[in-house]
N, C-alpha and C. Protein backbone atom coordinates (compact mmCIF):
# COMPACT_ATOMS: atom_id res chain seq x y z
N MET A 1 15.14 -10.31 30.77
CA MET A 1 15.50 -9.30 31.75
C MET A 1 14.27 -8.46 32.04
N ASP A 2 14.19 -8.03 33.25
CA ASP A 2 13.09 -7.21 33.72
C ASP A 2 13.10 -5.87 32.95
N PRO A 3 11.93 -5.38 32.50
CA PRO A 3 11.90 -4.12 31.75
C PRO A 3 12.42 -2.92 32.55
N ASN A 4 12.17 -2.90 33.86
CA ASN A 4 12.69 -1.80 34.68
C ASN A 4 14.22 -1.84 34.73
N MET A 5 14.76 -3.04 34.83
CA MET A 5 16.21 -3.18 34.87
C MET A 5 16.83 -2.76 33.55
N LYS A 6 16.17 -3.14 32.46
CA LYS A 6 16.68 -2.76 31.14
C LYS A 6 16.63 -1.24 30.95
N GLN A 7 15.57 -0.61 31.43
CA GLN A 7 15.44 0.85 31.34
C GLN A 7 16.53 1.53 32.18
N LEU A 8 16.80 1.01 33.38
CA LEU A 8 17.86 1.55 34.23
C LEU A 8 19.22 1.40 33.56
N GLN A 9 19.44 0.25 32.94
CA GLN A 9 20.71 0.00 32.25
C GLN A 9 20.91 0.99 31.09
N GLU A 10 19.86 1.24 30.32
CA GLU A 10 19.95 2.19 29.21
C GLU A 10 20.20 3.61 29.72
N ALA A 11 19.56 3.99 30.82
CA ALA A 11 19.77 5.32 31.40
C ALA A 11 21.21 5.48 31.87
N LEU A 12 21.75 4.44 32.50
CA LEU A 12 23.14 4.49 32.96
C LEU A 12 24.13 4.57 31.80
N ILE A 13 23.82 3.87 30.72
CA ILE A 13 24.68 3.92 29.53
C ILE A 13 24.67 5.32 28.94
N ASP A 14 23.48 5.95 28.87
CA ASP A 14 23.38 7.33 28.36
C ASP A 14 24.19 8.30 29.22
N ILE A 15 24.06 8.16 30.54
CA ILE A 15 24.80 9.05 31.44
C ILE A 15 26.30 8.83 31.28
N GLU A 16 26.70 7.58 31.15
CA GLU A 16 28.13 7.27 31.00
C GLU A 16 28.69 7.83 29.69
N ILE A 17 27.92 7.76 28.63
CA ILE A 17 28.35 8.32 27.34
C ILE A 17 28.51 9.83 27.45
N ASP A 18 27.53 10.50 28.07
CA ASP A 18 27.62 11.95 28.25
C ASP A 18 28.81 12.33 29.12
N ALA A 19 29.04 11.57 30.20
CA ALA A 19 30.17 11.86 31.08
C ALA A 19 31.50 11.66 30.35
N GLU A 20 31.57 10.65 29.51
CA GLU A 20 32.78 10.42 28.72
C GLU A 20 33.03 11.57 27.75
N GLN A 21 31.97 12.08 27.15
CA GLN A 21 32.11 13.23 26.25
C GLN A 21 32.58 14.47 27.01
N VAL A 22 32.11 14.67 28.24
CA VAL A 22 32.55 15.80 29.06
C VAL A 22 34.04 15.65 29.38
N LEU A 23 34.46 14.45 29.75
CA LEU A 23 35.87 14.23 30.06
C LEU A 23 36.76 14.47 28.84
N LEU A 24 36.32 14.01 27.68
CA LEU A 24 37.10 14.24 26.45
C LEU A 24 37.18 15.72 26.12
N ALA A 25 36.07 16.43 26.30
CA ALA A 25 36.06 17.87 26.02
C ALA A 25 36.97 18.62 26.99
N ARG A 26 36.98 18.22 28.25
CA ARG A 26 37.87 18.86 29.23
C ARG A 26 39.33 18.59 28.89
N HIS A 27 39.62 17.37 28.45
CA HIS A 27 40.99 17.05 28.03
C HIS A 27 41.40 17.92 26.83
N GLN A 28 40.49 18.10 25.89
CA GLN A 28 40.78 18.94 24.73
C GLN A 28 40.96 20.40 25.15
N LEU A 29 40.21 20.85 26.14
CA LEU A 29 40.39 22.20 26.67
C LEU A 29 41.79 22.40 27.22
N VAL A 30 42.30 21.40 27.93
CA VAL A 30 43.65 21.49 28.48
C VAL A 30 44.68 21.55 27.35
N GLU A 31 44.50 20.71 26.32
CA GLU A 31 45.42 20.73 25.19
C GLU A 31 45.38 22.07 24.45
N ASN A 32 44.17 22.60 24.24
CA ASN A 32 44.04 23.92 23.58
C ASN A 32 44.72 25.00 24.40
N ASP A 33 44.58 24.91 25.73
CA ASP A 33 45.19 25.92 26.59
C ASP A 33 46.71 25.88 26.50
N LYS A 34 47.29 24.69 26.40
CA LYS A 34 48.74 24.57 26.25
C LYS A 34 49.20 25.23 24.94
N ILE A 35 48.46 24.98 23.87
CA ILE A 35 48.82 25.55 22.57
C ILE A 35 48.63 27.07 22.60
N ARG A 36 47.54 27.54 23.22
CA ARG A 36 47.31 28.99 23.32
C ARG A 36 48.44 29.68 24.08
N ASN A 37 48.89 29.06 25.16
CA ASN A 37 49.99 29.64 25.92
C ASN A 37 51.27 29.68 25.09
N ALA A 38 51.54 28.61 24.34
CA ALA A 38 52.73 28.59 23.48
C ALA A 38 52.64 29.68 22.41
N ASN A 39 51.46 29.86 21.81
CA ASN A 39 51.27 30.92 20.82
C ASN A 39 51.47 32.30 21.43
N ARG A 40 50.93 32.49 22.63
CA ARG A 40 51.08 33.77 23.30
C ARG A 40 52.56 34.06 23.57
N GLU A 41 53.30 33.03 24.00
CA GLU A 41 54.73 33.22 24.23
C GLU A 41 55.47 33.55 22.94
N ALA A 42 55.08 32.88 21.84
CA ALA A 42 55.72 33.15 20.56
C ALA A 42 55.43 34.56 20.07
N LEU A 43 54.19 35.01 20.24
CA LEU A 43 53.85 36.38 19.84
C LEU A 43 54.60 37.41 20.68
N THR A 44 54.77 37.12 21.97
CA THR A 44 55.55 38.02 22.83
C THR A 44 57.00 38.06 22.37
N ALA A 45 57.56 36.91 22.00
CA ALA A 45 58.94 36.87 21.51
C ALA A 45 59.08 37.68 20.22
N LEU A 46 58.09 37.59 19.34
CA LEU A 46 58.14 38.36 18.09
C LEU A 46 58.04 39.86 18.38
N ARG A 47 57.20 40.23 19.35
CA ARG A 47 57.11 41.65 19.72
C ARG A 47 58.43 42.15 20.28
N ARG A 48 59.08 41.31 21.09
CA ARG A 48 60.38 41.70 21.64
C ARG A 48 61.41 41.85 20.53
N LYS A 49 61.37 40.94 19.58
CA LYS A 49 62.31 41.02 18.47
C LYS A 49 62.08 42.30 17.66
N ALA A 50 60.81 42.67 17.49
CA ALA A 50 60.48 43.88 16.74
C ALA A 50 60.59 45.12 17.63
N LYS A 51 60.84 44.89 18.93
CA LYS A 51 60.95 45.99 19.91
C LYS A 51 59.69 46.84 19.93
N THR A 52 58.54 46.16 19.94
CA THR A 52 57.26 46.86 20.04
C THR A 52 56.46 46.28 21.19
N THR A 53 55.50 47.04 21.63
CA THR A 53 54.49 46.53 22.55
C THR A 53 53.16 46.78 21.87
N THR A 54 52.11 46.34 22.49
CA THR A 54 50.80 46.54 21.85
C THR A 54 50.42 48.01 21.78
N THR A 55 51.06 48.86 22.59
CA THR A 55 50.72 50.28 22.58
C THR A 55 51.83 51.17 22.03
N SER A 56 52.99 50.58 21.69
CA SER A 56 54.11 51.42 21.28
C SER A 56 54.09 51.80 19.80
N VAL A 57 53.30 51.11 19.01
CA VAL A 57 53.25 51.40 17.58
C VAL A 57 52.37 52.62 17.37
N PRO A 58 52.87 53.64 16.68
CA PRO A 58 52.07 54.86 16.48
C PRO A 58 50.87 54.58 15.58
N SER A 59 49.84 55.35 15.80
CA SER A 59 48.65 55.18 14.98
C SER A 59 48.90 55.78 13.59
N PRO A 60 48.15 55.33 12.57
CA PRO A 60 48.32 55.90 11.24
C PRO A 60 48.10 57.42 11.22
N PHE A 61 47.23 57.93 12.08
CA PHE A 61 46.98 59.37 12.13
C PHE A 61 48.26 60.13 12.52
N GLU A 62 49.00 59.61 13.51
CA GLU A 62 50.24 60.25 13.94
C GLU A 62 51.24 60.29 12.80
N ILE A 63 51.31 59.22 12.03
CA ILE A 63 52.26 59.16 10.91
C ILE A 63 51.85 60.14 9.82
N ILE A 64 50.56 60.24 9.55
CA ILE A 64 50.09 61.17 8.52
C ILE A 64 50.44 62.60 8.92
N MET A 65 50.21 62.94 10.17
CA MET A 65 50.52 64.30 10.64
C MET A 65 52.01 64.58 10.58
N LYS A 66 52.83 63.59 10.92
CA LYS A 66 54.27 63.78 10.88
C LYS A 66 54.75 63.98 9.45
N GLU A 67 54.17 63.21 8.51
CA GLU A 67 54.57 63.34 7.11
C GLU A 67 54.07 64.66 6.52
N LEU A 68 52.92 65.16 6.97
CA LEU A 68 52.43 66.45 6.50
C LEU A 68 53.33 67.58 6.99
N GLU A 69 53.85 67.44 8.21
CA GLU A 69 54.75 68.45 8.73
C GLU A 69 56.06 68.48 7.96
N ASP A 70 56.53 67.30 7.53
CA ASP A 70 57.77 67.23 6.76
C ASP A 70 57.62 67.89 5.40
N GLY A 71 56.43 67.88 4.87
CA GLY A 71 56.17 68.50 3.58
C GLY A 71 56.65 67.67 2.41
N SER A 72 56.97 66.42 2.65
CA SER A 72 57.44 65.58 1.54
C SER A 72 56.25 65.10 0.72
N GLY A 73 56.52 64.72 -0.50
CA GLY A 73 55.46 64.29 -1.40
C GLY A 73 55.24 62.79 -1.37
N LYS A 74 55.59 62.12 -0.27
CA LYS A 74 55.41 60.68 -0.17
C LYS A 74 53.93 60.35 0.00
N GLN A 75 53.68 59.05 0.02
CA GLN A 75 52.30 58.63 0.26
C GLN A 75 51.87 59.05 1.66
N LEU A 76 50.61 59.41 1.78
CA LEU A 76 50.14 59.92 3.05
C LEU A 76 49.73 58.82 4.02
N ILE A 77 49.23 57.73 3.51
CA ILE A 77 48.78 56.66 4.39
C ILE A 77 49.72 55.48 4.25
N LYS A 78 50.22 55.05 5.37
CA LYS A 78 51.12 53.90 5.39
C LYS A 78 50.56 52.92 6.41
N GLU A 79 50.33 51.70 5.98
CA GLU A 79 49.80 50.71 6.91
C GLU A 79 50.89 50.30 7.88
N ILE A 80 50.53 50.23 9.13
CA ILE A 80 51.48 49.82 10.15
C ILE A 80 50.88 48.63 10.89
N CYS A 81 51.62 47.58 10.91
CA CYS A 81 51.20 46.39 11.64
C CYS A 81 51.48 46.63 13.13
N PRO A 82 50.53 46.31 14.01
CA PRO A 82 50.74 46.56 15.44
C PRO A 82 51.87 45.72 16.04
N ILE A 83 52.23 44.64 15.41
CA ILE A 83 53.32 43.82 15.94
C ILE A 83 54.64 44.17 15.27
N CYS A 84 54.62 44.35 13.95
CA CYS A 84 55.85 44.66 13.24
C CYS A 84 56.37 46.05 13.58
N GLY A 85 55.49 47.03 13.65
CA GLY A 85 55.92 48.40 13.88
C GLY A 85 56.81 48.85 12.75
N ASP A 86 57.99 49.38 13.10
CA ASP A 86 58.96 49.80 12.09
C ASP A 86 59.89 48.67 11.69
N HIS A 87 59.70 47.50 12.28
CA HIS A 87 60.53 46.34 11.97
C HIS A 87 60.30 45.93 10.52
N ASP A 88 61.34 45.47 9.86
CA ASP A 88 61.23 45.05 8.46
C ASP A 88 60.34 43.81 8.37
N PRO A 89 59.14 43.93 7.79
CA PRO A 89 58.22 42.79 7.75
C PRO A 89 58.70 41.68 6.81
N LYS A 90 59.65 41.99 5.95
CA LYS A 90 60.14 40.98 5.01
C LYS A 90 61.31 40.19 5.59
N GLU A 91 61.82 40.60 6.75
CA GLU A 91 62.91 39.85 7.39
C GLU A 91 62.39 38.46 7.73
N HIS A 92 63.20 37.47 7.47
CA HIS A 92 62.76 36.09 7.70
C HIS A 92 63.01 35.66 9.14
N THR A 93 62.12 34.82 9.61
CA THR A 93 62.25 34.22 10.93
C THR A 93 61.83 32.76 10.83
N TRP A 94 62.32 31.96 11.76
CA TRP A 94 62.01 30.54 11.73
C TRP A 94 60.70 30.27 12.46
N LEU A 95 59.90 29.38 11.89
CA LEU A 95 58.60 29.03 12.46
C LEU A 95 58.46 27.52 12.41
N MET A 96 58.09 26.93 13.55
CA MET A 96 57.84 25.48 13.59
C MET A 96 56.35 25.26 13.50
N PHE A 97 55.94 24.45 12.57
CA PHE A 97 54.52 24.21 12.39
C PHE A 97 54.02 23.23 13.44
N PRO A 98 52.84 23.51 14.03
CA PRO A 98 52.33 22.66 15.11
C PRO A 98 52.03 21.25 14.63
N GLY A 99 52.29 20.30 15.51
CA GLY A 99 52.01 18.90 15.20
C GLY A 99 53.07 18.24 14.34
N SER A 100 54.16 18.93 14.08
CA SER A 100 55.22 18.34 13.26
C SER A 100 56.56 18.89 13.72
N ASP A 101 57.61 18.32 13.18
CA ASP A 101 58.96 18.79 13.48
C ASP A 101 59.53 19.56 12.30
N ILE A 102 58.66 20.20 11.54
CA ILE A 102 59.09 20.91 10.35
C ILE A 102 59.28 22.38 10.69
N PHE A 103 60.48 22.88 10.40
CA PHE A 103 60.77 24.30 10.56
C PHE A 103 60.75 24.94 9.19
N ALA A 104 60.23 26.14 9.12
CA ALA A 104 60.20 26.86 7.85
C ALA A 104 60.68 28.29 8.09
N ARG A 105 61.40 28.82 7.13
CA ARG A 105 61.86 30.19 7.22
C ARG A 105 60.86 31.05 6.45
N VAL A 106 60.11 31.85 7.21
CA VAL A 106 59.04 32.65 6.61
C VAL A 106 59.27 34.11 6.96
N PRO A 107 58.68 35.03 6.19
CA PRO A 107 58.80 36.45 6.54
C PRO A 107 58.20 36.73 7.92
N PHE A 108 58.77 37.71 8.60
CA PHE A 108 58.38 38.08 9.95
C PHE A 108 56.88 38.35 10.05
N HIS A 109 56.37 39.14 9.11
CA HIS A 109 54.96 39.50 9.11
C HIS A 109 54.07 38.26 8.94
N VAL A 110 54.48 37.34 8.08
CA VAL A 110 53.70 36.12 7.87
C VAL A 110 53.68 35.27 9.14
N ALA A 111 54.82 35.20 9.82
CA ALA A 111 54.91 34.39 11.04
C ALA A 111 53.93 34.87 12.10
N HIS A 112 53.93 36.17 12.38
CA HIS A 112 53.02 36.62 13.43
C HIS A 112 51.58 36.64 12.97
N THR A 113 51.33 36.79 11.68
CA THR A 113 49.96 36.71 11.18
C THR A 113 49.41 35.30 11.34
N LEU A 114 50.23 34.30 11.04
CA LEU A 114 49.81 32.90 11.24
C LEU A 114 49.52 32.62 12.71
N LEU A 115 50.40 33.12 13.58
CA LEU A 115 50.19 32.91 15.02
C LEU A 115 48.93 33.62 15.51
N ASP A 116 48.67 34.82 15.01
CA ASP A 116 47.46 35.55 15.40
C ASP A 116 46.20 34.80 14.98
N LYS A 117 46.19 34.33 13.74
CA LYS A 117 45.00 33.60 13.24
C LYS A 117 44.81 32.30 14.02
N ASP A 118 45.91 31.62 14.32
CA ASP A 118 45.83 30.39 15.10
C ASP A 118 45.31 30.68 16.50
N GLN A 119 45.73 31.79 17.08
CA GLN A 119 45.27 32.18 18.42
C GLN A 119 43.77 32.46 18.40
N GLU A 120 43.29 33.15 17.38
CA GLU A 120 41.85 33.43 17.27
C GLU A 120 41.05 32.14 17.11
N ARG A 121 41.56 31.22 16.30
CA ARG A 121 40.88 29.93 16.11
C ARG A 121 40.83 29.15 17.41
N LEU A 122 41.94 29.14 18.15
CA LEU A 122 41.98 28.43 19.42
C LEU A 122 41.03 29.07 20.44
N ASP A 123 40.95 30.38 20.46
CA ASP A 123 40.01 31.05 21.35
C ASP A 123 38.57 30.65 21.04
N PHE A 124 38.24 30.62 19.75
CA PHE A 124 36.90 30.22 19.33
C PHE A 124 36.62 28.77 19.72
N ASP A 125 37.57 27.88 19.44
CA ASP A 125 37.39 26.46 19.79
C ASP A 125 37.24 26.27 21.30
N THR A 126 38.01 27.03 22.07
CA THR A 126 37.93 26.92 23.52
C THR A 126 36.56 27.35 24.03
N LYS A 127 36.04 28.45 23.50
CA LYS A 127 34.71 28.91 23.92
C LYS A 127 33.64 27.89 23.54
N LYS A 128 33.80 27.29 22.36
CA LYS A 128 32.84 26.29 21.90
C LYS A 128 32.89 25.06 22.81
N LEU A 129 34.09 24.62 23.19
CA LEU A 129 34.23 23.47 24.08
C LEU A 129 33.68 23.77 25.47
N GLN A 130 33.91 24.99 25.95
CA GLN A 130 33.39 25.35 27.27
C GLN A 130 31.87 25.33 27.29
N SER A 131 31.24 25.82 26.23
CA SER A 131 29.78 25.78 26.18
C SER A 131 29.28 24.34 26.06
N PHE A 132 30.03 23.49 25.34
CA PHE A 132 29.66 22.07 25.22
C PHE A 132 29.72 21.40 26.59
N VAL A 133 30.77 21.67 27.36
CA VAL A 133 30.90 21.08 28.69
C VAL A 133 29.76 21.54 29.59
N LYS A 134 29.39 22.83 29.50
CA LYS A 134 28.28 23.34 30.30
C LYS A 134 26.98 22.62 29.94
N GLU A 135 26.73 22.48 28.64
CA GLU A 135 25.49 21.85 28.20
C GLU A 135 25.42 20.39 28.66
N LYS A 136 26.52 19.66 28.46
CA LYS A 136 26.54 18.25 28.84
C LYS A 136 26.44 18.09 30.35
N SER A 137 27.06 18.99 31.11
CA SER A 137 26.95 18.92 32.58
C SER A 137 25.51 19.12 33.00
N LEU A 138 24.84 20.03 32.34
CA LEU A 138 23.43 20.27 32.64
C LEU A 138 22.59 19.03 32.30
N VAL A 139 22.87 18.40 31.17
CA VAL A 139 22.13 17.20 30.78
C VAL A 139 22.35 16.08 31.79
N ILE A 140 23.60 15.92 32.23
CA ILE A 140 23.90 14.88 33.23
C ILE A 140 23.18 15.17 34.53
N ALA A 141 23.14 16.45 34.93
CA ALA A 141 22.45 16.82 36.17
C ALA A 141 20.95 16.59 36.06
N GLU A 142 20.38 16.88 34.89
CA GLU A 142 18.95 16.68 34.70
C GLU A 142 18.57 15.20 34.71
N LYS A 143 19.52 14.36 34.32
CA LYS A 143 19.25 12.91 34.34
C LYS A 143 19.36 12.35 35.74
N GLY A 144 19.81 13.17 36.68
CA GLY A 144 19.85 12.73 38.07
C GLY A 144 21.14 12.08 38.49
N ALA A 145 22.19 12.19 37.70
CA ALA A 145 23.45 11.53 38.04
C ALA A 145 24.18 12.24 39.16
N LEU A 146 23.89 13.51 39.42
CA LEU A 146 24.58 14.26 40.45
C LEU A 146 23.69 14.50 41.67
N VAL A 147 22.69 13.66 41.86
CA VAL A 147 21.72 13.89 42.92
C VAL A 147 22.38 13.88 44.30
N GLY A 148 23.33 13.01 44.52
CA GLY A 148 23.99 12.94 45.82
C GLY A 148 24.81 14.18 46.11
N SER A 149 25.38 14.81 45.09
CA SER A 149 26.25 15.97 45.28
C SER A 149 25.47 17.27 45.19
N PHE A 150 24.83 17.49 44.08
CA PHE A 150 24.11 18.73 43.82
C PHE A 150 22.76 18.40 43.23
N GLY A 151 21.83 19.27 43.46
CA GLY A 151 20.54 19.14 42.81
C GLY A 151 20.61 19.73 41.41
N PRO A 152 19.70 19.32 40.52
CA PRO A 152 19.73 19.83 39.15
C PRO A 152 19.55 21.35 39.08
N ASP A 153 18.82 21.93 40.05
CA ASP A 153 18.62 23.37 40.04
C ASP A 153 19.92 24.13 40.30
N ILE A 154 20.73 23.62 41.21
CA ILE A 154 22.01 24.26 41.51
C ILE A 154 22.94 24.18 40.31
N VAL A 155 23.01 23.00 39.68
CA VAL A 155 23.87 22.85 38.50
C VAL A 155 23.38 23.76 37.39
N LYS A 156 22.06 23.85 37.21
CA LYS A 156 21.52 24.71 36.17
C LYS A 156 21.87 26.17 36.42
N SER A 157 21.84 26.59 37.69
CA SER A 157 22.20 27.98 37.99
C SER A 157 23.67 28.24 37.73
N PHE A 158 24.55 27.26 37.99
CA PHE A 158 25.97 27.42 37.68
C PHE A 158 26.21 27.48 36.19
N VAL A 159 25.51 26.65 35.45
CA VAL A 159 25.70 26.58 34.00
C VAL A 159 25.21 27.85 33.33
N SER A 160 24.15 28.43 33.85
CA SER A 160 23.56 29.61 33.20
C SER A 160 24.17 30.93 33.68
N LEU A 161 25.21 30.89 34.50
CA LEU A 161 25.86 32.12 34.95
C LEU A 161 26.52 32.83 33.78
N THR A 162 26.35 34.14 33.73
CA THR A 162 27.02 34.94 32.70
C THR A 162 27.52 36.22 33.33
N ASP A 163 28.56 36.76 32.74
CA ASP A 163 29.09 38.04 33.20
C ASP A 163 28.30 39.15 32.52
N LYS A 164 27.89 40.13 33.31
CA LYS A 164 27.19 41.28 32.74
C LYS A 164 28.00 42.52 33.06
N PRO A 165 28.15 43.41 32.09
CA PRO A 165 28.91 44.63 32.36
C PRO A 165 28.18 45.51 33.36
N LYS A 166 28.99 46.27 34.09
CA LYS A 166 28.39 47.19 35.06
C LYS A 166 27.66 48.29 34.31
N SER A 167 26.53 48.66 34.84
CA SER A 167 25.76 49.72 34.19
C SER A 167 25.67 50.91 35.13
N LYS A 168 25.23 52.02 34.59
CA LYS A 168 25.06 53.22 35.41
C LYS A 168 23.93 53.04 36.40
N ARG A 169 23.00 52.17 36.06
CA ARG A 169 21.85 51.97 36.94
C ARG A 169 22.22 51.13 38.15
N GLY A 170 23.38 50.48 38.14
CA GLY A 170 23.78 49.62 39.24
C GLY A 170 23.86 50.35 40.55
N SER A 171 24.34 51.61 40.56
CA SER A 171 24.43 52.37 41.80
C SER A 171 23.04 52.77 42.29
N GLU A 172 22.10 53.00 41.36
CA GLU A 172 20.74 53.37 41.75
C GLU A 172 20.05 52.20 42.44
N GLU A 173 20.31 50.99 41.92
CA GLU A 173 19.67 49.83 42.49
C GLU A 173 20.18 49.55 43.89
N LEU A 174 21.41 49.95 44.19
CA LEU A 174 21.97 49.72 45.51
C LEU A 174 21.54 50.78 46.52
N GLY A 175 20.70 51.69 46.10
CA GLY A 175 20.19 52.71 47.00
C GLY A 175 21.10 53.91 47.13
N GLN A 176 22.07 54.03 46.25
CA GLN A 176 22.96 55.18 46.30
C GLN A 176 22.30 56.33 45.55
N PRO A 177 22.58 57.56 45.98
CA PRO A 177 21.91 58.70 45.35
C PRO A 177 22.39 58.91 43.92
N HIS A 178 21.53 59.58 43.15
CA HIS A 178 21.86 59.93 41.78
C HIS A 178 22.97 60.97 41.77
N GLU A 179 23.72 61.00 40.68
CA GLU A 179 24.75 62.02 40.53
C GLU A 179 24.04 63.32 40.16
N VAL A 180 24.36 64.37 40.89
CA VAL A 180 23.70 65.66 40.69
C VAL A 180 24.66 66.56 39.93
N LYS A 181 24.18 67.15 38.84
CA LYS A 181 25.00 68.08 38.06
C LYS A 181 24.41 69.48 38.22
N TYR A 182 25.29 70.44 38.43
CA TYR A 182 24.87 71.82 38.56
C TYR A 182 25.37 72.65 37.39
N GLN A 183 24.60 73.60 37.01
CA GLN A 183 25.01 74.49 35.93
C GLN A 183 24.86 75.92 36.42
N LEU A 184 25.96 76.65 36.28
CA LEU A 184 25.92 78.04 36.68
C LEU A 184 25.30 78.85 35.56
N GLY A 185 24.40 79.70 35.86
CA GLY A 185 23.76 80.38 34.78
C GLY A 185 23.46 81.74 35.07
C-alpha cells in the first residue's frame, strides 16, 4: 500500500476513535442528566414531606436566640438539617437504590443525605464529561475533520468560552460615568 494512503487511513482511524469517544460521552451526559433530574425530584418530594423549603428552615442563630429568650437550661446549639427542618429525622422512608429493584426502609435523614451526595457526584461527573467532550471536539477540529463546517479557530473559540462574573469595572469599560459619592461635611 502507498505510504500516503496508509497515513491517511491511520489519520481517519484516529479521528473516528475520537468521534466515537465524543458520542459515548454525550450519551453518558444524557444518562447522567436523567438520573440528576430523578434525584432532584426525589429531594423535592422529601422537602414536601418534611414541609420545608430551602429557605424555610430557621438558622441556628435564630434557634439560639429563641432558646435564650425562653430561659430554659437546654442545649444552646442544635443542629438543623436544611431538608429535615423540624421533621423527625429518624422517621423511616422507602428508598429505591439506583440500578436495581431493591427497596430499603431507611431513616428520613439518611435518605436525603444519600440523594444529596449522589447529586453532588453526578454534578462532578457531568462537569468532567463536558470538559472531556470539549477537549475531544477541539482535537477533532485540529485534525481537520470539521474543515467543511467550521474552521479549527472557530471551534477553539467555542471550546474556550467561559462565563465571567460581572465586575464593577464593566460599566467603566462601556464608557459609562463613574458613580459619584457625596459627603456632607
